[in-house]
Amino acid sequence: MTNSKLRFRFPLAIALVTASAAAVAHGKCESGGCSGDAKITTSVEALLDRHPDLGAPHSITVQTRAGVVYLYGEVSTGLERETAESLAEETPGVARVVDSIFVSH
C-alpha cells in the first residue's frame, strides 16, 4: 500500500471512530424512560460517581452500544482504572467493557 493511501485512510478511520462514539453518547436516560443502552450508561455513571477516589463526578466518560460499555478518561493509578472497569462489568445488562482509561502516573 502506498504512503499516500495510508495518509488518507488513517484520518478517515479516526473520523469514523469519532462519529461512532458521538452516536453512542447520544442516548441518555431521560424522565420518560430509557433504551437498554442508555439505562446501562446511566447505571455505570451512577456507580462510578459513588467512588470519589476515581476523580470528580463524570471524570470518566461512559458510552454504551449494544450492551458494550466504552470507558474513556483519566485516572491517577492502575487500581483506579481496574476499579472503574470492575464496576462497569458488574452492572446488569453489560455484555463487555472496552477500557480506554488513561493512567496519568
Protein backbone atom coordinates (compact mmCIF):
# COMPACT_ATOMS: atom_id res chain seq x y z
CA MET A 1 0.00 0.00 0.00
CA THR A 2 1.40 3.40 -0.90
CA ASN A 3 2.20 6.02 1.68
CA SER A 4 -0.42 8.42 0.25
CA LYS A 5 -3.17 5.82 0.68
CA LEU A 6 -2.17 5.33 4.31
CA ARG A 7 -2.26 9.08 4.91
CA PHE A 8 -5.81 9.17 3.58
CA ARG A 9 -7.11 6.08 5.39
CA PHE A 10 -5.80 6.93 8.86
CA PRO A 11 -7.71 10.26 9.17
CA LEU A 12 -10.76 8.58 7.68
CA ALA A 13 -10.58 5.82 10.30
CA ILE A 14 -10.24 8.43 13.09
CA ALA A 15 -13.25 10.34 11.75
CA LEU A 16 -15.38 7.18 11.63
CA VAL A 17 -14.44 6.18 15.18
CA THR A 18 -15.23 9.69 16.43
CA ALA A 19 -18.60 9.71 14.68
CA SER A 20 -19.45 6.29 16.13
CA ALA A 21 -18.54 7.43 19.64
CA ALA A 22 -20.73 10.53 19.24
CA ALA A 23 -23.65 8.39 18.13
CA VAL A 24 -23.21 6.12 21.15
CA ALA A 25 -23.17 9.07 23.55
CA HIS A 26 -26.44 10.49 22.23
CA GLY A 27 -28.96 8.19 24.01
CA LYS A 28 -29.07 9.22 27.67
CA CYS A 29 -31.79 8.33 30.17
CA GLU A 30 -34.49 10.95 30.45
CA SER A 31 -37.50 11.04 32.77
CA GLY A 32 -39.68 9.46 30.07
CA GLY A 33 -37.72 6.22 30.02
CA CYS A 34 -34.54 4.72 28.62
CA SER A 35 -33.30 2.46 25.91
CA GLY A 36 -31.35 -0.52 27.22
CA ASP A 37 -28.01 1.08 26.34
CA ALA A 38 -28.99 4.43 27.87
CA LYS A 39 -30.06 2.67 31.06
CA ILE A 40 -26.70 0.85 31.24
CA THR A 41 -24.82 4.11 30.67
CA THR A 42 -26.77 5.85 33.42
CA SER A 43 -26.24 2.94 35.83
CA VAL A 44 -22.48 2.78 35.19
CA GLU A 45 -22.14 6.56 35.57
CA ALA A 46 -24.01 6.41 38.89
CA LEU A 47 -21.72 3.64 40.17
CA LEU A 48 -18.58 5.50 39.13
CA ASP A 49 -19.83 8.74 40.69
CA ARG A 50 -20.21 6.95 44.05
CA HIS A 51 -16.44 6.39 44.13
CA PRO A 52 -14.73 9.74 44.79
CA ASP A 53 -11.33 8.04 44.53
CA LEU A 54 -11.97 7.82 40.76
CA GLY A 55 -11.94 11.61 40.46
CA ALA A 56 -14.63 14.23 40.14
CA PRO A 57 -18.12 13.09 39.09
CA HIS A 58 -18.27 12.34 35.36
CA SER A 59 -14.46 12.38 35.03
CA ILE A 60 -14.80 9.04 33.26
CA THR A 61 -16.95 9.15 30.14
CA VAL A 62 -19.28 6.19 29.68
CA GLN A 63 -20.82 5.19 26.36
CA THR A 64 -22.81 2.05 25.61
CA ARG A 65 -23.64 0.39 22.34
CA ALA A 66 -25.38 -2.98 22.05
CA GLY A 67 -24.53 -3.76 25.68
CA VAL A 68 -20.82 -2.98 25.23
CA VAL A 69 -19.64 -0.27 27.62
CA TYR A 70 -16.84 2.04 26.50
CA LEU A 71 -14.91 3.88 29.23
CA TYR A 72 -12.80 6.97 28.46
CA GLY A 73 -11.00 9.36 30.75
CA GLU A 74 -8.01 9.72 33.02
CA VAL A 75 -7.26 8.37 36.50
CA SER A 76 -4.19 8.54 38.73
CA THR A 77 -3.46 4.85 39.30
CA GLY A 78 -3.90 1.44 37.75
CA LEU A 79 -6.04 0.43 40.72
CA GLU A 80 -8.48 3.24 39.93
CA ARG A 81 -8.65 2.06 36.33
CA GLU A 82 -9.32 -1.52 37.45
CA THR A 83 -11.99 -0.31 39.88
CA ALA A 84 -13.81 1.59 37.12
CA GLU A 85 -13.67 -1.41 34.80
CA SER A 86 -14.91 -3.78 37.54
CA LEU A 87 -17.83 -1.51 38.41
CA ALA A 88 -18.85 -1.37 34.76
CA GLU A 89 -18.55 -5.15 34.35
CA GLU A 90 -20.81 -5.74 37.38
CA THR A 91 -23.60 -3.55 36.01
CA PRO A 92 -26.68 -5.53 34.87
CA GLY A 93 -27.00 -5.75 31.10
CA VAL A 94 -23.32 -5.20 30.33
CA ALA A 95 -22.04 -7.71 27.79
CA ARG A 96 -18.46 -6.44 27.67
CA VAL A 97 -16.32 -3.48 28.74
CA VAL A 98 -13.82 -1.70 26.50
CA ASP A 99 -11.47 0.19 28.81
CA SER A 100 -9.73 3.17 27.22
CA ILE A 101 -8.94 4.91 30.51
CA PHE A 102 -5.53 6.59 30.66
CA VAL A 103 -3.42 6.25 33.83
CA SER A 104 -1.59 9.54 34.37
CA HIS A 105 1.07 8.27 36.80
